[in-house]
Amino acid sequence: MTSAFLIALQLAAVGILLVFAAILLLWAGIALLARMTAPRPKPVRTDDLEEERRRMAAASAALALLRSRMQREFPLPPTALVSAWQAVMRAGRLQQRGPVR
């Protein structure tokens, strides 16, 4: 191998190492920033849990009461009345199509 080729290989190896070192450095910096800026959970006290249970019970009771009193805003439409002519035409169309798969 010639000395120029060896120098080119060394330069390529140094370049690759620098690229991977820069990527690892960026990755470590991003991980550090994410860890530092992540919101920390508040310590849970038993009083808070009991209060939360009471609120959930009150909300579920209010929802059940609302659903029991709620009426439909839009009543269901009445059954469609079909004339004899329409019934014959519809039956003919059903027979043309064949059985439902």
N, C-alpha and C. Protein backbone atom coordinates (compact mmCIF):
# COMPACT_ATOMS: atom_id res chain seq x y z
N MET A 1 0.84 -1.17 0.00
CA MET A 1 0.00 0.00 0.00
C MET A 1 0.88 1.23 0.00
N THR A 2 0.39 2.20 -0.67
CA THR A 2 1.17 3.44 -0.75
C THR A 2 0.90 4.30 0.47
N SER A 3 1.81 5.21 0.73
CA SER A 3 1.66 6.08 1.89
C SER A 3 0.48 7.04 1.72
N ALA A 4 0.16 7.44 0.50
CA ALA A 4 -0.99 8.33 0.26
C ALA A 4 -2.29 7.61 0.61
N PHE A 5 -2.35 6.32 0.27
CA PHE A 5 -3.55 5.54 0.57
C PHE A 5 -3.71 5.36 2.07
N LEU A 6 -2.63 5.13 2.79
CA LEU A 6 -2.68 4.98 4.24
C LEU A 6 -3.10 6.28 4.91
N ILE A 7 -2.61 7.39 4.41
CA ILE A 7 -3.01 8.69 4.96
C ILE A 7 -4.50 8.93 4.72
N ALA A 8 -5.00 8.53 3.55
CA ALA A 8 -6.43 8.69 3.24
C ALA A 8 -7.28 7.83 4.18
N LEU A 9 -6.83 6.60 4.45
CA LEU A 9 -7.56 5.73 5.37
C LEU A 9 -7.56 6.30 6.78
N GLN A 10 -6.43 6.85 7.21
CA GLN A 10 -6.36 7.44 8.54
C GLN A 10 -7.28 8.65 8.63
N LEU A 11 -7.31 9.48 7.59
CA LEU A 11 -8.21 10.64 7.59
C LEU A 11 -9.67 10.21 7.62
N ALA A 12 -10.01 9.16 6.88
CA ALA A 12 -11.39 8.65 6.88
C ALA A 12 -11.76 8.13 8.27
N ALA A 13 -10.85 7.39 8.90
CA ALA A 13 -11.11 6.84 10.23
C ALA A 13 -11.29 7.96 11.25
N VAL A 14 -10.44 8.98 11.18
CA VAL A 14 -10.57 10.12 12.11
C VAL A 14 -11.89 10.85 11.86
N GLY A 15 -12.26 11.01 10.61
CA GLY A 15 -13.52 11.68 10.29
C GLY A 15 -14.72 10.91 10.81
N ILE A 16 -14.70 9.59 10.62
CA ILE A 16 -15.81 8.76 11.11
C ILE A 16 -15.89 8.83 12.63
N LEU A 17 -14.74 8.74 13.29
CA LEU A 17 -14.74 8.84 14.75
C LEU A 17 -15.26 10.19 15.23
N LEU A 18 -14.88 11.25 14.55
CA LEU A 18 -15.38 12.59 14.93
C LEU A 18 -16.89 12.69 14.75
N VAL A 19 -17.40 12.13 13.66
CA VAL A 19 -18.85 12.18 13.42
C VAL A 19 -19.59 11.43 14.52
N PHE A 20 -19.14 10.19 14.83
CA PHE A 20 -19.81 9.42 15.88
C PHE A 20 -19.65 10.07 17.25
N ALA A 21 -18.51 10.68 17.52
CA ALA A 21 -18.32 11.38 18.79
C ALA A 21 -19.28 12.56 18.89
N ALA A 22 -19.47 13.30 17.80
CA ALA A 22 -20.40 14.42 17.81
C ALA A 22 -21.84 13.94 18.01
N ILE A 23 -22.20 12.81 17.37
CA ILE A 23 -23.55 12.27 17.55
C ILE A 23 -23.77 11.85 19.00
N LEU A 24 -22.80 11.18 19.60
CA LEU A 24 -22.92 10.77 20.99
C LEU A 24 -22.99 11.96 21.93
N LEU A 25 -22.22 12.99 21.64
CA LEU A 25 -22.26 14.20 22.46
C LEU A 25 -23.63 14.88 22.37
N LEU A 26 -24.19 14.97 21.17
CA LEU A 26 -25.54 15.55 21.02
C LEU A 26 -26.58 14.70 21.74
N TRP A 27 -26.45 13.38 21.63
CA TRP A 27 -27.41 12.51 22.29
C TRP A 27 -27.35 12.68 23.81
N ALA A 28 -26.15 12.75 24.35
CA ALA A 28 -26.00 12.94 25.80
C ALA A 28 -26.56 14.29 26.24
N GLY A 29 -26.31 15.33 25.43
CA GLY A 29 -26.84 16.65 25.77
C GLY A 29 -28.36 16.69 25.75
N ILE A 30 -28.95 16.05 24.77
CA ILE A 30 -30.42 16.02 24.68
C ILE A 30 -30.99 15.23 25.85
N ALA A 31 -30.39 14.10 26.18
CA ALA A 31 -30.87 13.30 27.31
C ALA A 31 -30.75 14.07 28.62
N LEU A 32 -29.66 14.80 28.78
CA LEU A 32 -29.48 15.60 30.00
C LEU A 32 -30.52 16.71 30.08
N LEU A 33 -30.75 17.41 28.98
CA LEU A 33 -31.76 18.47 28.98
C LEU A 33 -33.16 17.92 29.23
N ALA A 34 -33.46 16.77 28.65
CA ALA A 34 -34.78 16.16 28.86
C ALA A 34 -34.97 15.78 30.32
N ARG A 35 -33.92 15.26 30.93
CA ARG A 35 -34.03 14.86 32.33
C ARG A 35 -34.15 16.08 33.25
N MET A 36 -33.43 17.15 32.91
CA MET A 36 -33.47 18.35 33.75
C MET A 36 -34.79 19.10 33.64
N THR A 37 -35.41 19.08 32.46
CA THR A 37 -36.62 19.87 32.25
C THR A 37 -37.90 19.06 32.41
N ALA A 38 -37.81 17.77 32.70
CA ALA A 38 -39.01 16.94 32.87
C ALA A 38 -39.74 17.36 34.14
N PRO A 39 -41.08 17.44 34.07
CA PRO A 39 -41.82 17.81 35.28
C PRO A 39 -41.73 16.70 36.31
N ARG A 40 -41.54 17.09 37.52
CA ARG A 40 -41.42 16.12 38.61
C ARG A 40 -42.80 15.94 39.25
N PRO A 41 -43.20 14.70 39.50
CA PRO A 41 -44.51 14.47 40.13
C PRO A 41 -44.51 14.94 41.58
N LYS A 42 -45.64 15.47 41.98
CA LYS A 42 -45.77 15.93 43.35
C LYS A 42 -45.92 14.71 44.27
N PRO A 43 -45.42 14.81 45.48
CA PRO A 43 -45.61 13.69 46.41
C PRO A 43 -47.10 13.54 46.74
N VAL A 44 -47.56 12.31 46.77
CA VAL A 44 -48.97 12.03 46.99
C VAL A 44 -49.22 11.86 48.48
N ARG A 45 -50.20 12.60 48.96
CA ARG A 45 -50.60 12.46 50.36
C ARG A 45 -51.91 11.69 50.42
N THR A 46 -52.16 11.03 51.50
CA THR A 46 -53.39 10.23 51.63
C THR A 46 -54.62 11.13 51.65
N ASP A 47 -54.49 12.35 52.17
CA ASP A 47 -55.63 13.27 52.18
C ASP A 47 -56.03 13.63 50.76
N ASP A 48 -55.04 13.80 49.88
CA ASP A 48 -55.33 14.12 48.49
C ASP A 48 -56.07 12.97 47.81
N LEU A 49 -55.67 11.74 48.10
CA LEU A 49 -56.35 10.58 47.50
C LEU A 49 -57.79 10.48 47.97
N GLU A 50 -58.02 10.73 49.23
CA GLU A 50 -59.39 10.67 49.76
C GLU A 50 -60.26 11.76 49.14
N GLU A 51 -59.69 12.95 48.99
CA GLU A 51 -60.43 14.05 48.37
C GLU A 51 -60.73 13.72 46.91
N GLU A 52 -59.79 13.12 46.22
CA GLU A 52 -59.99 12.73 44.82
C GLU A 52 -61.09 11.68 44.70
N ARG A 53 -61.12 10.74 45.62
CA ARG A 53 -62.19 9.72 45.61
C ARG A 53 -63.56 10.36 45.84
N ARG A 54 -63.62 11.30 46.74
CA ARG A 54 -64.90 11.99 47.00
C ARG A 54 -65.37 12.75 45.76
N ARG A 55 -64.43 13.42 45.09
CA ARG A 55 -64.79 14.16 43.88
C ARG A 55 -65.28 13.22 42.77
N MET A 56 -64.60 12.09 42.63
CA MET A 56 -65.03 11.13 41.60
C MET A 56 -66.40 10.56 41.92
N ALA A 57 -66.67 10.29 43.19
CA ALA A 57 -67.97 9.76 43.58
C ALA A 57 -69.07 10.79 43.32
N ALA A 58 -68.79 12.06 43.63
CA ALA A 58 -69.78 13.11 43.38
C ALA A 58 -70.02 13.29 41.89
N ALA A 59 -68.96 13.24 41.10
CA ALA A 59 -69.13 13.40 39.65
C ALA A 59 -69.90 12.24 39.05
N SER A 60 -69.63 11.01 39.49
CA SER A 60 -70.36 9.87 38.94
C SER A 60 -71.82 9.89 39.36
N ALA A 61 -72.11 10.34 40.59
CA ALA A 61 -73.50 10.46 41.03
C ALA A 61 -74.23 11.52 40.22
N ALA A 62 -73.56 12.65 39.97
CA ALA A 62 -74.19 13.71 39.17
C ALA A 62 -74.45 13.24 37.75
N LEU A 63 -73.52 12.49 37.18
CA LEU A 63 -73.69 11.98 35.83
C LEU A 63 -74.83 10.98 35.76
N ALA A 64 -74.94 10.10 36.76
CA ALA A 64 -76.03 9.13 36.79
C ALA A 64 -77.37 9.83 36.92
N LEU A 65 -77.44 10.85 37.76
CA LEU A 65 -78.68 11.61 37.92
C LEU A 65 -79.06 12.33 36.63
N LEU A 66 -78.08 12.90 35.97
CA LEU A 66 -78.33 13.60 34.71
C LEU A 66 -78.83 12.64 33.64
N ARG A 67 -78.21 11.46 33.56
CA ARG A 67 -78.64 10.48 32.55
C ARG A 67 -80.05 9.97 32.84
N SER A 68 -80.41 9.83 34.11
CA SER A 68 -81.75 9.33 34.43
C SER A 68 -82.82 10.37 34.09
N ARG A 69 -82.49 11.64 34.21
CA ARG A 69 -83.47 12.69 33.92
C ARG A 69 -83.48 13.13 32.45
N MET A 70 -82.44 12.74 31.74
CA MET A 70 -82.29 13.22 30.37
C MET A 70 -83.33 12.57 29.45
N GLN A 71 -83.93 13.38 28.61
CA GLN A 71 -84.87 12.87 27.62
C GLN A 71 -84.24 13.05 26.26
N ARG A 72 -84.70 12.29 25.32
CA ARG A 72 -84.19 12.43 23.97
C ARG A 72 -84.62 13.77 23.39
N GLU A 73 -83.67 14.45 22.79
CA GLU A 73 -84.00 15.72 22.16
C GLU A 73 -84.79 15.50 20.87
N PHE A 74 -84.42 14.46 20.15
CA PHE A 74 -85.07 14.17 18.89
C PHE A 74 -85.78 12.82 19.02
N PRO A 75 -87.11 12.81 18.98
CA PRO A 75 -87.80 11.53 19.10
C PRO A 75 -87.53 10.66 17.87
N LEU A 76 -87.67 9.37 18.07
CA LEU A 76 -87.47 8.46 16.96
C LEU A 76 -88.56 8.69 15.93
N PRO A 77 -88.24 8.59 14.65
CA PRO A 77 -89.26 8.82 13.62
C PRO A 77 -90.29 7.70 13.63
N PRO A 78 -91.53 8.01 13.25
CA PRO A 78 -92.55 6.96 13.22
C PRO A 78 -92.24 5.95 12.12
N THR A 79 -92.83 4.77 12.24
CA THR A 79 -92.62 3.74 11.24
C THR A 79 -93.14 4.23 9.90
N ALA A 80 -92.34 4.01 8.87
CA ALA A 80 -92.72 4.48 7.54
C ALA A 80 -93.92 3.68 7.03
N LEU A 81 -94.92 4.39 6.54
CA LEU A 81 -96.07 3.74 5.94
C LEU A 81 -95.78 3.56 4.46
N VAL A 82 -95.97 2.38 3.98
CA VAL A 82 -95.64 2.07 2.59
C VAL A 82 -96.94 1.75 1.87
N SER A 83 -97.11 2.37 0.70
CA SER A 83 -98.31 2.08 -0.09
C SER A 83 -98.17 0.71 -0.74
N ALA A 84 -99.27 0.19 -1.25
CA ALA A 84 -99.26 -1.12 -1.89
C ALA A 84 -98.32 -1.10 -3.11
N TRP A 85 -98.33 -0.01 -3.86
CA TRP A 85 -97.48 0.09 -5.04
C TRP A 85 -96.00 0.02 -4.64
N GLN A 86 -95.63 0.76 -3.58
CA GLN A 86 -94.25 0.74 -3.12
C GLN A 86 -93.85 -0.64 -2.62
N ALA A 87 -94.75 -1.32 -1.91
CA ALA A 87 -94.45 -2.65 -1.39
C ALA A 87 -94.19 -3.63 -2.53
N VAL A 88 -95.01 -3.58 -3.60
CA VAL A 88 -94.83 -4.47 -4.74
C VAL A 88 -93.51 -4.17 -5.43
N MET A 89 -93.18 -2.90 -5.63
CA MET A 89 -91.94 -2.52 -6.31
C MET A 89 -90.71 -2.93 -5.49
N ARG A 90 -90.78 -2.75 -4.19
CA ARG A 90 -89.65 -3.13 -3.35
C ARG A 90 -89.47 -4.64 -3.31
N ALA A 91 -90.57 -5.38 -3.25
CA ALA A 91 -90.48 -6.84 -3.26
C ALA A 91 -89.88 -7.32 -4.57
N GLY A 92 -90.24 -6.68 -5.67
CA GLY A 92 -89.66 -7.05 -6.96
C GLY A 92 -88.17 -6.80 -6.99
N ARG A 93 -87.74 -5.70 -6.44
CA ARG A 93 -86.29 -5.40 -6.41
C ARG A 93 -85.54 -6.42 -5.55
N LEU A 94 -86.15 -6.83 -4.43
CA LEU A 94 -85.51 -7.82 -3.57
C LEU A 94 -85.38 -9.16 -4.29
N GLN A 95 -86.39 -9.53 -5.06
CA GLN A 95 -86.32 -10.79 -5.78
C GLN A 95 -85.29 -10.74 -6.89
N GLN A 96 -85.06 -9.59 -7.49
CA GLN A 96 -84.07 -9.46 -8.54
C GLN A 96 -82.66 -9.65 -7.99
N ARG A 97 -82.43 -9.16 -6.81
CA ARG A 97 -81.10 -9.22 -6.21
C ARG A 97 -80.74 -10.62 -5.74
N GLY A 98 -81.70 -11.39 -5.35
CA GLY A 98 -81.41 -12.71 -4.84
C GLY A 98 -81.24 -12.69 -3.34
N PRO A 99 -80.86 -13.82 -2.77
CA PRO A 99 -80.73 -13.89 -1.30
C PRO A 99 -79.55 -13.05 -0.81
N VAL A 100 -79.70 -12.60 0.38
CA VAL A 100 -78.65 -11.79 1.00
C VAL A 100 -77.52 -12.71 1.43
N ARG A 101 -76.32 -12.33 1.17
CA ARG A 101 -75.17 -13.19 1.53
C ARG A 101 -74.78 -12.98 2.96
